[in-house]
């Protein structure tokens, strides 16, 4: 019950961020995509628990020049217990335009960015691994922020989402599908 309450609270916080971003005239769109799968297409098995489970390559454009950092949250709203977080990355330099395939699961990145905790409480990307049934939707959401986030080493998607409220300059999203 507590896990369900936490999941619902996180989902509502994410929705509030998205709604406030959509309502603000200052928030610009970012184009984000992956060469591994098309928008709304199937995520190849190599990026899932059926394969190597490595992170897919991502690239983007349209980050405002006024942005200080970027944050990436990847989640699955179709998970049986509610929204499941697959990846949290924040404080990426705003000048970056891509993340390579197979990003290492380290808390601190060479470029100054940080990785937070996924839904299993581990640092780094957790590949899609839905139960048998219809495909799940995996949302890769990128945010351009007006500041660096000051968060501890145990930061998860909820902490990142809360810290970036009111500081989102631009937002982009791409969705991939995977089912078993």
Protein backbone atom coordinates (compact mmCIF):
# COMPACT_ATOMS: atom_id res chain seq x y z
CA UNK A 1 0.00 0.00 0.00
CA UNK A 2 2.83 2.38 0.88
CA UNK A 3 4.54 1.63 -2.46
CA UNK A 4 1.29 2.37 -4.31
CA UNK A 5 0.91 5.66 -2.44
CA UNK A 6 4.49 6.64 -3.28
CA UNK A 7 3.96 5.72 -6.92
CA UNK A 8 0.76 7.76 -7.15
CA UNK A 9 2.43 10.73 -5.44
CA UNK A 10 5.34 10.56 -7.89
CA UNK A 11 3.00 10.30 -10.87
CA UNK A 12 1.06 13.34 -9.68
CA UNK A 13 4.29 15.33 -9.16
CA UNK A 14 5.47 14.44 -12.67
CA UNK A 15 2.09 15.44 -14.10
CA UNK A 16 2.23 18.78 -12.27
CA UNK A 17 5.67 19.48 -13.72
CA UNK A 18 4.46 18.58 -17.19
CA UNK A 19 1.30 20.67 -16.80
CA UNK A 20 3.16 23.70 -15.46
CA UNK A 21 5.69 23.35 -18.29
CA UNK A 22 2.91 23.14 -20.87
CA UNK A 23 1.08 26.16 -19.42
CA UNK A 24 4.14 28.39 -19.30
CA UNK A 25 4.76 30.45 -22.42
CA UNK A 26 8.48 30.40 -21.63
CA UNK A 27 8.88 26.61 -21.95
CA UNK A 28 10.20 25.64 -25.37
CA UNK A 29 10.09 22.26 -27.10
CA UNK A 30 13.14 20.04 -27.37
CA UNK A 31 13.35 17.40 -30.07
CA UNK A 32 14.62 14.10 -28.62
CA UNK A 33 15.04 10.82 -30.47
CA UNK A 34 16.98 7.59 -30.62
CA UNK A 35 18.63 5.93 -33.59
CA UNK A 36 17.73 2.60 -31.91
CA UNK A 37 13.95 2.97 -32.32
CA UNK A 38 11.51 5.36 -33.99
CA UNK A 39 9.02 7.48 -32.05
CA UNK A 40 6.32 5.10 -30.88
CA UNK A 41 8.29 2.13 -32.22
CA UNK A 42 9.59 -1.01 -30.57
CA UNK A 43 12.69 -0.76 -28.39
CA UNK A 44 15.15 -3.44 -29.59
CA UNK A 45 15.74 -6.34 -27.18
CA UNK A 46 19.40 -5.41 -26.67
CA UNK A 47 18.21 -2.42 -24.59
CA UNK A 48 15.89 -4.57 -22.43
CA UNK A 49 16.13 -7.34 -19.83
CA UNK A 50 15.87 -9.84 -22.71
CA UNK A 51 19.19 -8.53 -24.04
CA UNK A 52 22.18 -6.66 -22.64
CA UNK A 53 19.99 -4.14 -20.84
CA UNK A 54 22.21 -1.28 -21.95
CA UNK A 55 20.86 2.22 -22.44
CA UNK A 56 19.89 3.21 -25.99
CA UNK A 57 21.62 6.10 -27.76
CA UNK A 58 19.73 9.38 -27.49
CA UNK A 59 20.16 12.70 -29.25
CA UNK A 60 18.36 16.01 -29.07
CA UNK A 61 18.20 19.55 -30.36
CA UNK A 62 16.47 22.76 -29.41
CA UNK A 63 18.01 23.30 -25.97
CA UNK A 64 17.78 27.03 -25.16
CA UNK A 65 21.11 28.84 -24.91
CA UNK A 66 20.03 30.09 -21.49
CA UNK A 67 19.85 26.54 -20.08
CA UNK A 68 22.40 25.57 -17.42
CA UNK A 69 21.84 21.83 -17.24
CA UNK A 70 19.75 18.96 -18.59
CA UNK A 71 17.82 16.24 -16.79
CA UNK A 72 16.54 12.96 -18.24
CA UNK A 73 13.85 10.77 -16.68
CA UNK A 74 12.79 7.51 -18.30
CA UNK A 75 9.71 5.82 -16.94
CA UNK A 76 7.01 3.25 -17.64
CA UNK A 77 3.52 4.43 -16.64
CA UNK A 78 2.09 1.00 -17.59
CA UNK A 79 3.92 -0.89 -14.83
CA UNK A 80 1.63 -3.06 -12.68
CA UNK A 81 2.34 -1.12 -9.46
CA UNK A 82 2.21 2.29 -11.15
CA UNK A 83 4.93 4.41 -12.72
CA UNK A 84 8.29 2.63 -12.71
CA UNK A 85 11.46 4.70 -13.18
CA UNK A 86 14.04 3.19 -15.52
CA UNK A 87 16.62 5.96 -15.56
CA UNK A 88 17.42 9.28 -13.90
CA UNK A 89 20.21 11.54 -15.15
CA UNK A 90 20.63 15.16 -14.09
CA UNK A 91 23.09 18.07 -14.15
CA UNK A 92 24.20 17.13 -17.64
CA UNK A 93 25.92 20.09 -19.33
CA UNK A 94 23.38 22.01 -21.43
CA UNK A 95 25.79 22.01 -24.38
CA UNK A 96 25.45 18.22 -24.76
CA UNK A 97 23.34 17.05 -27.67
CA UNK A 98 23.48 13.27 -27.14
CA UNK A 99 24.10 10.35 -24.82
CA UNK A 100 25.86 7.30 -26.25
CA UNK A 101 24.59 3.74 -26.14
CA UNK A 102 25.53 1.78 -23.05
CA UNK A 103 25.94 4.62 -20.61
CA UNK A 104 27.91 3.28 -17.60
CA UNK A 105 26.00 2.94 -14.29
CA UNK A 106 28.14 5.34 -12.27
CA UNK A 107 26.77 8.00 -9.91
CA UNK A 108 29.12 10.75 -11.13
CA UNK A 109 29.79 11.24 -14.82
CA UNK A 110 32.99 12.60 -16.42
CA UNK A 111 31.08 15.59 -17.82
CA UNK A 112 29.86 16.62 -14.34
CA UNK A 113 26.43 15.05 -14.65
CA UNK A 114 24.98 12.63 -12.15
CA UNK A 115 22.81 9.54 -12.33
CA UNK A 116 20.09 9.01 -9.79
CA UNK A 117 18.39 5.90 -8.54
CA UNK A 118 16.06 3.90 -10.78
CA UNK A 119 12.93 2.11 -9.55
CA UNK A 120 15.05 -0.72 -8.13
CA UNK A 121 17.06 1.73 -6.01
CA UNK A 122 20.15 1.31 -8.21
CA UNK A 123 22.18 3.88 -10.10
CA UNK A 124 21.89 3.87 -13.87
CA UNK A 125 19.65 2.58 -16.61
CA UNK A 126 17.33 -0.37 -16.00
CA UNK A 127 16.14 -1.83 -19.31
CA UNK A 128 12.45 -2.47 -19.94
CA UNK A 129 11.28 -5.77 -18.43
CA UNK A 130 7.48 -5.81 -18.41
CA UNK A 131 5.43 -8.83 -17.43
CA UNK A 132 3.92 -10.86 -20.28
CA UNK A 133 1.08 -9.01 -21.96
CA UNK A 134 0.60 -5.95 -24.11
CA UNK A 135 3.60 -3.67 -24.78
CA UNK A 136 4.43 -1.01 -22.24
CA UNK A 137 5.20 2.62 -23.14
CA UNK A 138 8.65 3.89 -22.12
CA UNK A 139 8.83 7.69 -21.92
CA UNK A 140 12.25 9.29 -22.40
CA UNK A 141 11.74 12.84 -21.08
CA UNK A 142 14.44 15.48 -21.39
CA UNK A 143 14.32 18.79 -19.52
CA UNK A 144 16.47 21.89 -20.03
CA UNK A 145 16.89 23.59 -16.66
CA UNK A 146 17.84 27.10 -15.57
CA UNK A 147 20.09 25.77 -12.79
CA UNK A 148 22.12 22.85 -11.50
CA UNK A 149 20.25 20.61 -9.09
CA UNK A 150 21.73 20.26 -5.60
CA UNK A 151 20.79 16.73 -4.67
CA UNK A 152 22.32 13.96 -2.60
CA UNK A 153 23.64 10.69 -3.93
CA UNK A 154 20.31 9.01 -3.22
CA UNK A 155 18.30 11.24 -5.59
CA UNK A 156 15.53 9.48 -7.44
CA UNK A 157 13.02 10.67 -10.04
CA UNK A 158 10.78 12.17 -7.37
CA UNK A 159 13.64 14.24 -5.91
CA UNK A 160 14.77 15.41 -9.35
CA UNK A 161 11.19 16.26 -10.38
CA UNK A 162 10.63 18.24 -7.20
CA UNK A 163 13.95 20.10 -7.45
CA UNK A 164 13.37 21.17 -11.04
CA UNK A 165 9.87 22.61 -10.44
CA UNK A 166 9.79 26.19 -11.63
CA UNK A 167 13.15 25.90 -13.40
CA UNK A 168 12.20 24.06 -16.62
CA UNK A 169 13.04 26.13 -19.71
CA UNK A 170 12.34 23.46 -22.33
CA UNK A 171 11.06 19.90 -22.51
CA UNK A 172 11.05 17.05 -25.00
CA UNK A 173 9.87 13.46 -25.03
CA UNK A 174 10.10 10.37 -27.14
CA UNK A 175 8.30 7.11 -26.46
CA UNK A 176 9.37 3.55 -27.22
CA UNK A 177 7.36 0.35 -26.80
CA UNK A 178 8.36 -3.04 -25.50
CA UNK A 179 6.34 -6.10 -24.59
CA UNK A 180 6.94 -9.76 -23.80
